[in-house]
Amino acid sequence: MYEQQIKDSISEAIQELNQQRSGLPPVSAVPETLLYGIDANLDSLDLVTLIVSTEQKIEDKTGIKISLANEKALSMRHSPFRSIASLTHYATTLLEERD
């Protein structure tokens, strides 16, 4: 139900992040893009920026405030921040749990 809004939010956040990362290769907004871990496209500051921006854009689109970087996310065996696909799935799950 929320998946497209989340995809749009992440894509918009990546576009903004790319504008801020002058001189660095742009981050692609495709599901396979690695965000965190070995071979990731972002450093830790970029990842935090992306998460905060995504949270705000999700709230703007849905009217629901969520925290992506919460205790649940940090304790998961497979990080929801590994890729765009995993972040999309995780954010969708959080929103659906709120309904």
PDB file of N, CA and C in Angstrom:
ATOM      1  N   MET A   1       0.817  -1.198   0.000  1.00  0.00           N
ATOM      2  CA  MET A   1       0.000   0.000   0.000  1.00  0.00           C
ATOM      3  C   MET A   1       0.862   1.265   0.000  1.00  0.00           C
ATOM      4  N   TYR A   2       1.965   1.226   0.750  1.00  0.00           N
ATOM      5  CA  TYR A   2       2.841   2.401   0.857  1.00  0.00           C
ATOM      6  C   TYR A   2       4.096   2.299   0.001  1.00  0.00           C
ATOM      7  N   GLU A   3       4.288   1.173  -0.651  1.00  0.00           N
ATOM      8  CA  GLU A   3       5.564   0.913  -1.309  1.00  0.00           C
ATOM      9  C   GLU A   3       5.957   1.991  -2.314  1.00  0.00           C
ATOM     10  N   GLN A   4       5.038   2.435  -3.152  1.00  0.00           N
ATOM     11  CA  GLN A   4       5.394   3.440  -4.157  1.00  0.00           C
ATOM     12  C   GLN A   4       5.755   4.772  -3.512  1.00  0.00           C
ATOM     13  N   GLN A   5       5.052   5.155  -2.469  1.00  0.00           N
ATOM     14  CA  GLN A   5       5.369   6.401  -1.773  1.00  0.00           C
ATOM     15  C   GLN A   5       6.774   6.321  -1.158  1.00  0.00           C
ATOM     16  N   ILE A   6       7.117   5.160  -0.656  1.00  0.00           N
ATOM     17  CA  ILE A   6       8.446   4.979  -0.069  1.00  0.00           C
ATOM     18  C   ILE A   6       9.514   5.003  -1.152  1.00  0.00           C
ATOM     19  N   LYS A   7       9.275   4.318  -2.254  1.00  0.00           N
ATOM     20  CA  LYS A   7      10.224   4.346  -3.371  1.00  0.00           C
ATOM     21  C   LYS A   7      10.449   5.783  -3.837  1.00  0.00           C
ATOM     22  N   ASP A   8       9.382   6.534  -3.965  1.00  0.00           N
ATOM     23  CA  ASP A   8       9.487   7.934  -4.386  1.00  0.00           C
ATOM     24  C   ASP A   8      10.277   8.752  -3.358  1.00  0.00           C
ATOM     25  N   SER A   9      10.010   8.513  -2.081  1.00  0.00           N
ATOM     26  CA  SER A   9      10.707   9.242  -1.017  1.00  0.00           C
ATOM     27  C   SER A   9      12.202   8.961  -1.044  1.00  0.00           C
ATOM     28  N   ILE A  10      12.572   7.703  -1.197  1.00  0.00           N
ATOM     29  CA  ILE A  10      13.984   7.338  -1.245  1.00  0.00           C
ATOM     30  C   ILE A  10      14.645   7.936  -2.484  1.00  0.00           C
ATOM     31  N   SER A  11      13.972   7.873  -3.604  1.00  0.00           N
ATOM     32  CA  SER A  11      14.509   8.428  -4.846  1.00  0.00           C
ATOM     33  C   SER A  11      14.750   9.931  -4.713  1.00  0.00           C
ATOM     34  N   GLU A  12      13.805  10.635  -4.138  1.00  0.00           N
ATOM     35  CA  GLU A  12      13.954  12.083  -3.938  1.00  0.00           C
ATOM     36  C   GLU A  12      15.102  12.381  -2.977  1.00  0.00           C
ATOM     37  N   ALA A  13      15.217  11.587  -1.915  1.00  0.00           N
ATOM     38  CA  ALA A  13      16.301  11.781  -0.947  1.00  0.00           C
ATOM     39  C   ALA A  13      17.658  11.532  -1.605  1.00  0.00           C
ATOM     40  N   ILE A  14      17.732  10.549  -2.474  1.00  0.00           N
ATOM     41  CA  ILE A  14      18.985  10.268  -3.187  1.00  0.00           C
ATOM     42  C   ILE A  14      19.323  11.410  -4.143  1.00  0.00           C
ATOM     43  N   GLN A  15      18.332  11.943  -4.822  1.00  0.00           N
ATOM     44  CA  GLN A  15      18.581  13.078  -5.710  1.00  0.00           C
ATOM     45  C   GLN A  15      19.168  14.253  -4.935  1.00  0.00           C
ATOM     46  N   GLU A  16      18.609  14.543  -3.765  1.00  0.00           N
ATOM     47  CA  GLU A  16      19.125  15.632  -2.937  1.00  0.00           C
ATOM     48  C   GLU A  16      20.545  15.330  -2.460  1.00  0.00           C
ATOM     49  N   LEU A  17      20.773  14.094  -2.045  1.00  0.00           N
ATOM     50  CA  LEU A  17      22.092  13.696  -1.576  1.00  0.00           C
ATOM     51  C   LEU A  17      23.123  13.845  -2.694  1.00  0.00           C
ATOM     52  N   ASN A  18      22.764  13.438  -3.897  1.00  0.00           N
ATOM     53  CA  ASN A  18      23.682  13.564  -5.031  1.00  0.00           C
ATOM     54  C   ASN A  18      24.058  15.018  -5.291  1.00  0.00           C
ATOM     55  N   GLN A  19      23.132  15.933  -5.076  1.00  0.00           N
ATOM     56  CA  GLN A  19      23.427  17.361  -5.266  1.00  0.00           C
ATOM     57  C   GLN A  19      24.432  17.863  -4.233  1.00  0.00           C
ATOM     58  N   GLN A  20      24.398  17.256  -3.046  1.00  0.00           N
ATOM     59  CA  GLN A  20      25.301  17.665  -1.967  1.00  0.00           C
ATOM     60  C   GLN A  20      26.691  17.035  -2.095  1.00  0.00           C
ATOM     61  N   ARG A  21      26.799  15.953  -2.828  1.00  0.00           N
ATOM     62  CA  ARG A  21      28.052  15.202  -2.933  1.00  0.00           C
ATOM     63  C   ARG A  21      28.870  15.653  -4.142  1.00  0.00           C
ATOM     64  N   SER A  22      29.158  16.907  -4.229  1.00  0.00           N
ATOM     65  CA  SER A  22      29.874  17.433  -5.389  1.00  0.00           C
ATOM     66  C   SER A  22      31.234  16.749  -5.522  1.00  0.00           C
ATOM     67  N   GLY A  23      31.548  16.385  -6.755  1.00  0.00           N
ATOM     68  CA  GLY A  23      32.826  15.752  -7.030  1.00  0.00           C
ATOM     69  C   GLY A  23      32.834  14.246  -6.851  1.00  0.00           C
ATOM     70  N   LEU A  24      31.773  13.691  -6.297  1.00  0.00           N
ATOM     71  CA  LEU A  24      31.676  12.240  -6.106  1.00  0.00           C
ATOM     72  C   LEU A  24      30.715  11.658  -7.130  1.00  0.00           C
ATOM     73  N   PRO A  25      30.910  10.400  -7.481  1.00  0.00           N
ATOM     74  CA  PRO A  25      29.977   9.785  -8.429  1.00  0.00           C
ATOM     75  C   PRO A  25      28.567   9.766  -7.848  1.00  0.00           C
ATOM     76  N   PRO A  26      27.559   9.992  -8.682  1.00  0.00           N
ATOM     77  CA  PRO A  26      26.180   9.977  -8.173  1.00  0.00           C
ATOM     78  C   PRO A  26      25.764   8.571  -7.729  1.00  0.00           C
ATOM     79  N   VAL A  27      24.887   8.548  -6.748  1.00  0.00           N
ATOM     80  CA  VAL A  27      24.314   7.300  -6.261  1.00  0.00           C
ATOM     81  C   VAL A  27      23.084   7.009  -7.109  1.00  0.00           C
ATOM     82  N   SER A  28      23.000   5.806  -7.609  1.00  0.00           N
ATOM     83  CA  SER A  28      21.864   5.402  -8.428  1.00  0.00           C
ATOM     84  C   SER A  28      20.687   5.029  -7.525  1.00  0.00           C
ATOM     85  N   ALA A  29      19.485   5.342  -7.961  1.00  0.00           N
ATOM     86  CA  ALA A  29      18.284   5.073  -7.167  1.00  0.00           C
ATOM     87  C   ALA A  29      17.621   3.754  -7.541  1.00  0.00           C
ATOM     88  N   VAL A  30      18.391   2.783  -8.028  1.00  0.00           N
ATOM     89  CA  VAL A  30      17.832   1.479  -8.377  1.00  0.00           C
ATOM     90  C   VAL A  30      17.849   0.567  -7.150  1.00  0.00           C
ATOM     91  N   PRO A  31      16.942  -0.396  -7.079  1.00  0.00           N
ATOM     92  CA  PRO A  31      16.831  -1.255  -5.893  1.00  0.00           C
ATOM     93  C   PRO A  31      18.122  -1.961  -5.490  1.00  0.00           C
ATOM     94  N   GLU A  32      18.981  -2.289  -6.449  1.00  0.00           N
ATOM     95  CA  GLU A  32      20.194  -3.044  -6.161  1.00  0.00           C
ATOM     96  C   GLU A  32      21.325  -2.200  -5.579  1.00  0.00           C
ATOM     97  N   THR A  33      21.175  -0.893  -5.566  1.00  0.00           N
ATOM     98  CA  THR A  33      22.236  -0.022  -5.080  1.00  0.00           C
ATOM     99  C   THR A  33      22.539  -0.331  -3.615  1.00  0.00           C
ATOM    100  N   LEU A  34      23.811  -0.600  -3.344  1.00  0.00           N
ATOM    101  CA  LEU A  34      24.248  -0.872  -1.973  1.00  0.00           C
ATOM    102  C   LEU A  34      24.453   0.442  -1.243  1.00  0.00           C
ATOM    103  N   LEU A  35      23.878   0.535  -0.057  1.00  0.00           N
ATOM    104  CA  LEU A  35      23.970   1.759   0.739  1.00  0.00           C
ATOM    105  C   LEU A  35      24.938   1.619   1.907  1.00  0.00           C
ATOM    106  N   TYR A  36      25.037   0.417   2.471  1.00  0.00           N
ATOM    107  CA  TYR A  36      25.789   0.202   3.699  1.00  0.00           C
ATOM    108  C   TYR A  36      26.557  -1.106   3.602  1.00  0.00           C
ATOM    109  N   GLY A  37      27.764  -1.114   4.116  1.00  0.00           N
ATOM    110  CA  GLY A  37      28.568  -2.328   4.137  1.00  0.00           C
ATOM    111  C   GLY A  37      29.678  -2.281   3.103  1.00  0.00           C
ATOM    112  N   ILE A  38      30.318  -3.405   2.906  1.00  0.00           N
ATOM    113  CA  ILE A  38      31.404  -3.518   1.936  1.00  0.00           C
ATOM    114  C   ILE A  38      30.855  -3.211   0.540  1.00  0.00           C
ATOM    115  N   ASP A  39      31.608  -2.466  -0.213  1.00  0.00           N
ATOM    116  CA  ASP A  39      31.228  -2.056  -1.572  1.00  0.00           C
ATOM    117  C   ASP A  39      30.038  -1.110  -1.606  1.00  0.00           C
ATOM    118  N   ALA A  40      29.711  -0.501  -0.481  1.00  0.00           N
ATOM    119  CA  ALA A  40      28.581   0.428  -0.429  1.00  0.00           C
ATOM    120  C   ALA A  40      28.929   1.731  -1.135  1.00  0.00           C
ATOM    121  N   ASN A  41      27.901   2.418  -1.564  1.00  0.00           N
ATOM    122  CA  ASN A  41      28.066   3.681  -2.279  1.00  0.00           C
ATOM    123  C   ASN A  41      28.126   4.903  -1.367  1.00  0.00           C
ATOM    124  N   LEU A  42      27.790   4.734  -0.090  1.00  0.00           N
ATOM    125  CA  LEU A  42      27.711   5.872   0.820  1.00  0.00           C
ATOM    126  C   LEU A  42      28.675   5.706   1.987  1.00  0.00           C
ATOM    127  N   ASP A  43      29.186   6.827   2.484  1.00  0.00           N
ATOM    128  CA  ASP A  43      29.910   6.770   3.748  1.00  0.00           C
ATOM    129  C   ASP A  43      28.886   6.944   4.874  1.00  0.00           C
ATOM    130  N   SER A  44      29.329   6.880   6.110  1.00  0.00           N
ATOM    131  CA  SER A  44      28.384   6.902   7.231  1.00  0.00           C
ATOM    132  C   SER A  44      27.583   8.202   7.302  1.00  0.00           C
ATOM    133  N   LEU A  45      28.206   9.327   7.019  1.00  0.00           N
ATOM    134  CA  LEU A  45      27.492  10.606   7.059  1.00  0.00           C
ATOM    135  C   LEU A  45      26.440  10.674   5.949  1.00  0.00           C
ATOM    136  N   ASP A  46      26.796  10.199   4.765  1.00  0.00           N
ATOM    137  CA  ASP A  46      25.826  10.160   3.670  1.00  0.00           C
ATOM    138  C   ASP A  46      24.638   9.269   4.016  1.00  0.00           C
ATOM    139  N   LEU A  47      24.908   8.136   4.656  1.00  0.00           N
ATOM    140  CA  LEU A  47      23.824   7.218   5.024  1.00  0.00           C
ATOM    141  C   LEU A  47      22.881   7.872   6.023  1.00  0.00           C
ATOM    142  N   VAL A  48      23.435   8.539   7.029  1.00  0.00           N
ATOM    143  CA  VAL A  48      22.593   9.223   8.018  1.00  0.00           C
ATOM    144  C   VAL A  48      21.766  10.312   7.336  1.00  0.00           C
ATOM    145  N   THR A  49      22.381  11.068   6.454  1.00  0.00           N
ATOM    146  CA  THR A  49      21.670  12.111   5.719  1.00  0.00           C
ATOM    147  C   THR A  49      20.525  11.519   4.905  1.00  0.00           C
ATOM    148  N   LEU A  50      20.800  10.412   4.227  1.00  0.00           N
ATOM    149  CA  LEU A  50      19.770   9.749   3.424  1.00  0.00           C
ATOM    150  C   LEU A  50      18.618   9.255   4.300  1.00  0.00           C
ATOM    151  N   ILE A  51      18.925   8.671   5.436  1.00  0.00           N
ATOM    152  CA  ILE A  51      17.888   8.145   6.328  1.00  0.00           C
ATOM    153  C   ILE A  51      16.994   9.271   6.845  1.00  0.00           C
ATOM    154  N   VAL A  52      17.609  10.336   7.326  1.00  0.00           N
ATOM    155  CA  VAL A  52      16.832  11.463   7.869  1.00  0.00           C
ATOM    156  C   VAL A  52      15.954  12.084   6.788  1.00  0.00           C
ATOM    157  N   SER A  53      16.526  12.285   5.618  1.00  0.00           N
ATOM    158  CA  SER A  53      15.763  12.871   4.512  1.00  0.00           C
ATOM    159  C   SER A  53      14.617  11.954   4.095  1.00  0.00           C
ATOM    160  N   THR A  54      14.878  10.664   4.036  1.00  0.00           N
ATOM    161  CA  THR A  54      13.839   9.698   3.665  1.00  0.00           C
ATOM    162  C   THR A  54      12.712   9.703   4.685  1.00  0.00           C
ATOM    163  N   GLU A  55      13.052   9.727   5.972  1.00  0.00           N
ATOM    164  CA  GLU A  55      12.018   9.780   7.015  1.00  0.00           C
ATOM    165  C   GLU A  55      11.109  10.989   6.823  1.00  0.00           C
ATOM    166  N   GLN A  56      11.715  12.141   6.548  1.00  0.00           N
ATOM    167  CA  GLN A  56      10.928  13.364   6.380  1.00  0.00           C
ATOM    168  C   GLN A  56      10.039  13.282   5.146  1.00  0.00           C
ATOM    169  N   LYS A  57      10.565  12.756   4.075  1.00  0.00           N
ATOM    170  CA  LYS A  57       9.781  12.660   2.843  1.00  0.00           C
ATOM    171  C   LYS A  57       8.640  11.658   2.982  1.00  0.00           C
ATOM    172  N   ILE A  58       8.865  10.578   3.700  1.00  0.00           N
ATOM    173  CA  ILE A  58       7.795   9.612   3.964  1.00  0.00           C
ATOM    174  C   ILE A  58       6.692  10.277   4.780  1.00  0.00           C
ATOM    175  N   GLU A  59       7.079  11.029   5.790  1.00  0.00           N
ATOM    176  CA  GLU A  59       6.080  11.730   6.606  1.00  0.00           C
ATOM    177  C   GLU A  59       5.307  12.749   5.766  1.00  0.00           C
ATOM    178  N   ASP A  60       6.007  13.463   4.901  1.00  0.00           N
ATOM    179  CA  ASP A  60       5.341  14.439   4.030  1.00  0.00           C
ATOM    180  C   ASP A  60       4.314  13.769   3.125  1.00  0.00           C
ATOM    181  N   LYS A  61       4.634  12.586   2.620  1.00  0.00           N
ATOM    182  CA  LYS A  61       3.756  11.895   1.672  1.00  0.00           C
ATOM    183  C   LYS A  61       2.625  11.125   2.344  1.00  0.00           C
ATOM    184  N   THR A  62       2.874  10.591   3.537  1.00  0.00           N
ATOM    185  CA  THR A  62       1.884   9.719   4.171  1.00  0.00           C
ATOM    186  C   THR A  62       1.215  10.330   5.398  1.00  0.00           C
ATOM    187  N   GLY A  63       1.850  11.342   5.972  1.00  0.00           N
ATOM    188  CA  GLY A  63       1.346  11.906   7.216  1.00  0.00           C
ATOM    189  C   GLY A  63       1.711  11.056   8.430  1.00  0.00           C
ATOM    190  N   ILE A  64       2.542  10.048   8.217  1.00  0.00           N
ATOM    191  CA  ILE A  64       2.946   9.140   9.301  1.00  0.00           C
ATOM    192  C   ILE A  64       4.426   9.341   9.583  1.00  0.00           C
ATOM    193  N   LYS A  65       4.737   9.596  10.849  1.00  0.00           N
ATOM    194  CA  LYS A  65       6.124   9.784  11.262  1.00  0.00           C
ATOM    195  C   LYS A  65       6.690   8.429  11.679  1.00  0.00           C
ATOM    196  N   ILE A  66       7.806   8.048  11.049  1.00  0.00           N
ATOM    197  CA  ILE A  66       8.476   6.803  11.429  1.00  0.00           C
ATOM    198  C   ILE A  66       9.951   7.088  11.684  1.00  0.00           C
ATOM    199  N   SER A  67      10.569   6.213  12.438  1.00  0.00           N
ATOM    200  CA  SER A  67      12.004   6.282  12.684  1.00  0.00           C
ATOM    201  C   SER A  67      12.637   5.055  12.050  1.00  0.00           C
ATOM    202  N   LEU A  68      13.408   5.261  11.013  1.00  0.00           N
ATOM    203  CA  LEU A  68      14.038   4.145  10.320  1.00  0.00           C
ATOM    204  C   LEU A  68      15.225   3.599  11.101  1.00  0.00           C
ATOM    205  N   ALA A  69      15.989   4.468  11.739  1.00  0.00           N
ATOM    206  CA  ALA A  69      17.165   4.043  12.494  1.00  0.00           C
ATOM    207  C   ALA A  69      16.769   3.849  13.955  1.00  0.00           C
ATOM    208  N   ASN A  70      16.055   2.775  14.212  1.00  0.00           N
ATOM    209  CA  ASN A  70      15.593   2.488  15.566  1.00  0.00           C
ATOM    210  C   ASN A  70      16.259   1.220  16.087  1.00  0.00           C
ATOM    211  N   GLU A  71      15.940   0.863  17.315  1.00  0.00           N
ATOM    212  CA  GLU A  71      16.546  -0.316  17.940  1.00  0.00           C
ATOM    213  C   GLU A  71      16.273  -1.582  17.131  1.00  0.00           C
ATOM    214  N   LYS A  72      15.077  -1.694  16.599  1.00  0.00           N
ATOM    215  CA  LYS A  72      14.718  -2.866  15.795  1.00  0.00           C
ATOM    216  C   LYS A  72      15.638  -2.988  14.586  1.00  0.00           C
ATOM    217  N   ALA A  73      15.847  -1.887  13.879  1.00  0.00           N
ATOM    218  CA  ALA A  73      16.691  -1.908  12.681  1.00  0.00           C
ATOM    219  C   ALA A  73      18.127  -2.272  13.020  1.00  0.00           C
ATOM    220  N   LEU A  74      18.617  -1.723  14.116  1.00  0.00           N
ATOM    221  CA  LEU A  74      20.010  -1.948  14.482  1.00  0.00           C
ATOM    222  C   LEU A  74      20.266  -3.348  15.019  1.00  0.00           C
ATOM    223  N   SER A  75      19.212  -4.032  15.444  1.00  0.00           N
ATOM    224  CA  SER A  75      19.395  -5.380  15.980  1.00  0.00           C
ATOM    225  C   SER A  75      19.068  -6.481  14.973  1.00  0.00           C
ATOM    226  N   MET A  76      18.650  -6.101  13.790  1.00  0.00           N
ATOM    227  CA  MET A  76      18.295  -7.095  12.780  1.00  0.00           C
ATOM    228  C   MET A  76      19.542  -7.808  12.259  1.00  0.00           C
ATOM    229  N   ARG A  77      19.386  -9.079  11.973  1.00  0.00           N
ATOM    230  CA  ARG A  77      20.502  -9.877  11.451  1.00  0.00           C
ATOM    231  C   ARG A  77      20.991  -9.334  10.112  1.00  0.00           C
ATOM    232  N   HIS A  78      20.060  -8.969   9.240  1.00  0.00           N
ATOM    233  CA  HIS A  78      20.387  -8.369   7.953  1.00  0.00           C
ATOM    234  C   HIS A  78      19.950  -6.911   7.983  1.00  0.00           C
ATOM    235  N   SER A  79      20.895  -6.017   7.842  1.00  0.00           N
ATOM    236  CA  SER A  79      20.617  -4.592   7.951  1.00  0.00           C
ATOM    237  C   SER A  79      19.599  -4.123   6.917  1.00  0.00           C
ATOM    238  N   PRO A  80      18.600  -3.374   7.356  1.00  0.00           N
ATOM    239  CA  PRO A  80      17.653  -2.804   6.402  1.00  0.00           C
ATOM    240  C   PRO A  80      18.274  -1.674   5.582  1.00  0.00           C
ATOM    241  N   PHE A  81      19.486  -1.287   5.931  1.00  0.00           N
ATOM    242  CA  PHE A  81      20.169  -0.206   5.227  1.00  0.00           C
ATOM    243  C   PHE A  81      21.177  -0.732   4.206  1.00  0.00           C
ATOM    244  N   ARG A  82      21.184  -2.020   3.975  1.00  0.00           N
ATOM    245  CA  ARG A  82      22.133  -2.639   3.052  1.00  0.00           C
ATOM    246  C   ARG A  82      21.942  -2.138   1.616  1.00  0.00           C
ATOM    247  N   SER A  83      20.706  -2.045   1.183  1.00  0.00           N
ATOM    248  CA  SER A  83      20.430  -1.631  -0.200  1.00  0.00           C
ATOM    249  C   SER A  83      19.141  -0.814  -0.244  1.00  0.00           C
ATOM    250  N   ILE A  84      18.886  -0.237  -1.389  1.00  0.00           N
ATOM    251  CA  ILE A  84      17.632   0.493  -1.555  1.00  0.00           C
ATOM    252  C   ILE A  84      16.450  -0.462  -1.429  1.00  0.00           C
ATOM    253  N   ALA A  85      16.577  -1.651  -1.972  1.00  0.00           N
ATOM    254  CA  ALA A  85      15.487  -2.635  -1.878  1.00  0.00           C
ATOM    255  C   ALA A  85      15.197  -2.999  -0.425  1.00  0.00           C
ATOM    256  N   SER A  86      16.234  -3.238   0.375  1.00  0.00           N
ATOM    257  CA  SER A  86      16.009  -3.619   1.776  1.00  0.00           C
ATOM    258  C   SER A  86      15.449  -2.446   2.577  1.00  0.00           C
ATOM    259  N   LEU A  87      15.882  -1.230   2.264  1.00  0.00           N
ATOM    260  CA  LEU A  87      15.339  -0.053   2.947  1.00  0.00           C
ATOM    261  C   LEU A  87      13.873   0.146   2.588  1.00  0.00           C
ATOM    262  N   THR A  88      13.538  -0.055   1.330  1.00  0.00           N
ATOM    263  CA  THR A  88      12.147   0.063   0.892  1.00  0.00           C
ATOM    264  C   THR A  88      11.269  -0.959   1.614  1.00  0.00           C
ATOM    265  N   HIS A  89      11.733  -2.184   1.669  1.00  0.00           N
ATOM    266  CA  HIS A  89      10.971  -3.243   2.337  1.00  0.00           C
ATOM    267  C   HIS A  89      10.786  -2.923   3.822  1.00  0.00           C
ATOM    268  N   TYR A  90      11.850  -2.506   4.470  1.00  0.00           N
ATOM    269  CA  TYR A  90      11.787  -2.207   5.898  1.00  0.00           C
ATOM    270  C   TYR A  90      10.835  -1.038   6.183  1.00  0.00           C
ATOM    271  N   ALA A  91      10.948   0.038   5.423  1.00  0.00           N
ATOM    272  CA  ALA A  91      10.072   1.198   5.637  1.00  0.00           C
ATOM    273  C   ALA A  91       8.614   0.838   5.368  1.00  0.00           C
ATOM    274  N   THR A  92       8.370   0.025   4.355  1.00  0.00           N
ATOM    275  CA  THR A  92       7.018  -0.416   4.061  1.00  0.00           C
ATOM    276  C   THR A  92       6.447  -1.216   5.226  1.00  0.00           C
ATOM    277  N   THR A  93       7.259  -2.100   5.773  1.00  0.00           N
ATOM    278  CA  THR A  93       6.840  -2.894   6.931  1.00  0.00           C
ATOM    279  C   THR A  93       6.489  -2.010   8.113  1.00  0.00           C
ATOM    280  N   LEU A  94       7.325  -1.018   8.388  1.00  0.00           N
ATOM    281  CA  LEU A  94       7.056  -0.106   9.511  1.00  0.00           C
ATOM    282  C   LEU A  94       5.737   0.632   9.332  1.00  0.00           C
ATOM    283  N   LEU A  95       5.492   1.126   8.134  1.00  0.00           N
ATOM    284  CA  LEU A  95       4.242   1.845   7.888  1.00  0.00           C
ATOM    285  C   LEU A  95       3.033   0.930   7.996  1.00  0.00           C
ATOM    286  N   GLU A  96       3.148  -0.257   7.461  1.00  0.00           N
ATOM    287  CA  GLU A  96       2.012  -1.188   7.519  1.00  0.00           C
ATOM    288  C   GLU A  96       1.724  -1.633   8.937  1.00  0.00           C
ATOM    289  N   GLU A  97       2.745  -1.710   9.789  1.00  0.00           N
ATOM    290  CA  GLU A  97       2.539  -2.053  11.191  1.00  0.00           C
ATOM    291  C   GLU A  97       1.772  -0.954  11.923  1.00  0.00           C
ATOM    292  N   ARG A  98       1.879   0.277  11.443  1.00  0.00           N
ATOM    293  CA  ARG A  98       1.203   1.411  12.085  1.00  0.00           C
ATOM    294  C   ARG A  98      -0.270   1.472  11.750  1.00  0.00           C
ATOM    295  N   ASP A  99      -0.681   0.809  10.672  1.00  0.00           N
ATOM    296  CA  ASP A  99      -2.104   0.824  10.268  1.00  0.00           C
ATOM    297  C   ASP A  99      -2.966  -0.011  11.167  1.00  0.00           C
TER     298      ASP A  99
END
